[in-house]
Protein backbone atom coordinates (compact mmCIF):
# COMPACT_ATOMS: atom_id res chain seq x y z
CA TYR A 1 -8.58 -0.22 32.46
CA ILE A 2 -10.14 -1.49 29.20
CA GLU A 3 -6.91 -2.59 27.84
CA LEU A 4 -6.41 -4.75 31.06
CA PHE A 5 -9.72 -6.49 30.99
CA ASP A 6 -8.31 -9.54 29.25
CA GLN A 7 -6.15 -10.04 32.24
CA ILE A 8 -8.84 -9.77 34.89
CA ASP A 9 -9.52 -13.58 35.09
CA GLU A 10 -6.10 -14.55 35.77
CA ASN A 11 -5.52 -11.67 38.28
CA LEU A 12 -8.66 -12.57 40.20
CA LYS A 13 -7.88 -16.26 40.30
CA ASN A 14 -4.42 -15.58 41.69
CA ALA A 15 -5.81 -13.05 44.20
CA LEU A 16 -8.37 -15.66 45.34
CA GLN A 17 -5.95 -18.40 45.43
CA THR A 18 -3.57 -16.41 47.74
CA ASP A 19 -6.40 -15.81 50.10
CA LEU A 20 -7.60 -19.28 50.15
CA THR A 21 -4.16 -20.57 50.73
CA GLU A 22 -3.88 -18.45 54.03
CA MET A 23 -7.45 -19.00 55.08
CA ALA A 24 -8.53 -22.33 53.97
CA PRO A 25 -5.44 -24.50 53.06
CA GLY A 26 -6.16 -27.32 50.60
CA LEU A 27 -8.91 -25.51 48.60
CA ARG A 28 -7.90 -24.70 45.06
CA VAL A 29 -9.41 -22.30 42.49
CA HIS A 30 -9.57 -24.01 39.15
CA SER A 31 -10.80 -21.11 37.04
CA VAL A 32 -12.62 -17.81 37.17
CA ARG A 33 -14.56 -16.31 34.38
CA VAL A 34 -15.59 -12.53 34.59
CA THR A 35 -18.14 -11.66 32.04
CA LYS A 36 -17.97 -8.50 29.96
CA PRO A 37 -20.03 -5.90 31.45
CA LYS A 38 -22.64 -4.00 29.30
CA ILE A 39 -21.47 -0.44 28.99
CA PRO A 40 -24.11 2.20 28.53
CA GLU A 41 -24.29 3.77 25.01
CA ALA A 42 -23.40 7.19 25.98
CA ILE A 43 -20.26 6.03 27.78
CA ARG A 44 -19.28 3.80 24.97
CA LYS A 45 -19.72 6.46 22.34
CA ASN A 46 -17.80 8.82 24.54
CA TYR A 47 -14.93 6.23 24.97
CA GLU A 48 -14.81 5.64 21.24
CA LEU A 49 -14.53 9.47 20.54
CA MET A 50 -11.82 9.63 22.92
CA GLU A 51 -9.90 6.75 21.48
CA ALA A 52 -10.43 8.26 17.91
CA GLU A 53 -8.83 11.54 19.39
CA LYS A 54 -5.98 9.56 20.89
CA THR A 55 -5.37 7.89 17.50
CA LYS A 56 -5.54 11.23 15.62
CA LEU A 57 -3.00 12.56 18.13
CA LEU A 58 -0.66 9.66 17.79
CA ILE A 59 -0.85 10.01 13.94
CA SER A 60 -0.23 13.69 14.10
CA THR A 61 2.83 13.05 16.42
CA GLN A 62 4.25 10.42 14.12
CA LYS A 63 3.79 12.70 11.00
CA GLN A 64 5.68 15.47 12.83
CA ARG A 65 8.52 12.99 13.76
CA VAL A 66 8.69 12.23 10.26
CA VAL A 67 8.70 15.80 9.07
CA GLU A 68 11.56 16.45 11.60
CA LYS A 69 13.50 13.48 10.25
CA ASP A 70 13.14 14.61 6.75
CA ALA A 71 14.15 18.17 7.64
CA GLU A 72 17.23 16.83 9.45
CA THR A 73 18.31 14.57 6.60
CA GLU A 74 17.95 17.69 4.27
CA ARG A 75 20.08 19.62 6.61
CA LYS A 76 22.67 16.84 6.68
CA LYS A 77 22.69 16.84 2.93
CA ALA A 78 23.19 20.58 2.70
CA VAL A 79 26.19 20.28 5.30
CA ILE A 80 27.85 17.59 3.26
CA GLU A 81 27.25 19.42 0.02
CA ALA A 82 28.65 22.55 1.53
CA GLU A 83 31.66 20.77 2.89
CA LYS A 84 32.22 19.04 -0.45
CA GLU A 85 32.04 22.60 -2.30
CA ALA A 86 34.38 24.03 0.40
CA GLN A 87 36.98 21.28 -0.14
CA VAL A 88 36.70 21.81 -3.93
CA ALA A 89 37.21 25.45 -3.55
CA ARG A 90 40.09 25.05 -1.32
CA ILE A 91 41.64 22.68 -3.71
CA ARG A 92 41.23 25.13 -6.73
CA TYR A 93 42.57 27.82 -4.80
CA GLU A 94 45.72 25.87 -3.78
CA GLN A 95 46.12 25.01 -7.37
CA ASN A 96 45.78 28.59 -8.35
CA LEU A 97 48.48 29.46 -5.87
CA LEU A 98 50.89 26.67 -7.21
CA GLU A 99 50.21 27.75 -10.68
CA HIS A 100 51.21 31.45 -9.97
CA GLU A 101 54.38 30.50 -8.32
């Protein structure tokens, strides 16, 4: 809800105008201003702690994704290197067969 506070003025104005259009045609709402409420200190601190934990979780998740991508990249490099070595070994094997014929 805190993330949506910046939209409350416009949403309230639209809701009021919709009702006024039905109940009192001709009246218009020009603007609405909702003041920011004073949040008790305990609630504010609790919210800040929750936001900090949420941020830590997001950072942790992103780090995990980076580690997974790095591991995937290393696996792909290893597969490419193994395929290259297998191709080289096959070519050498075929060369040895041709030399012995």
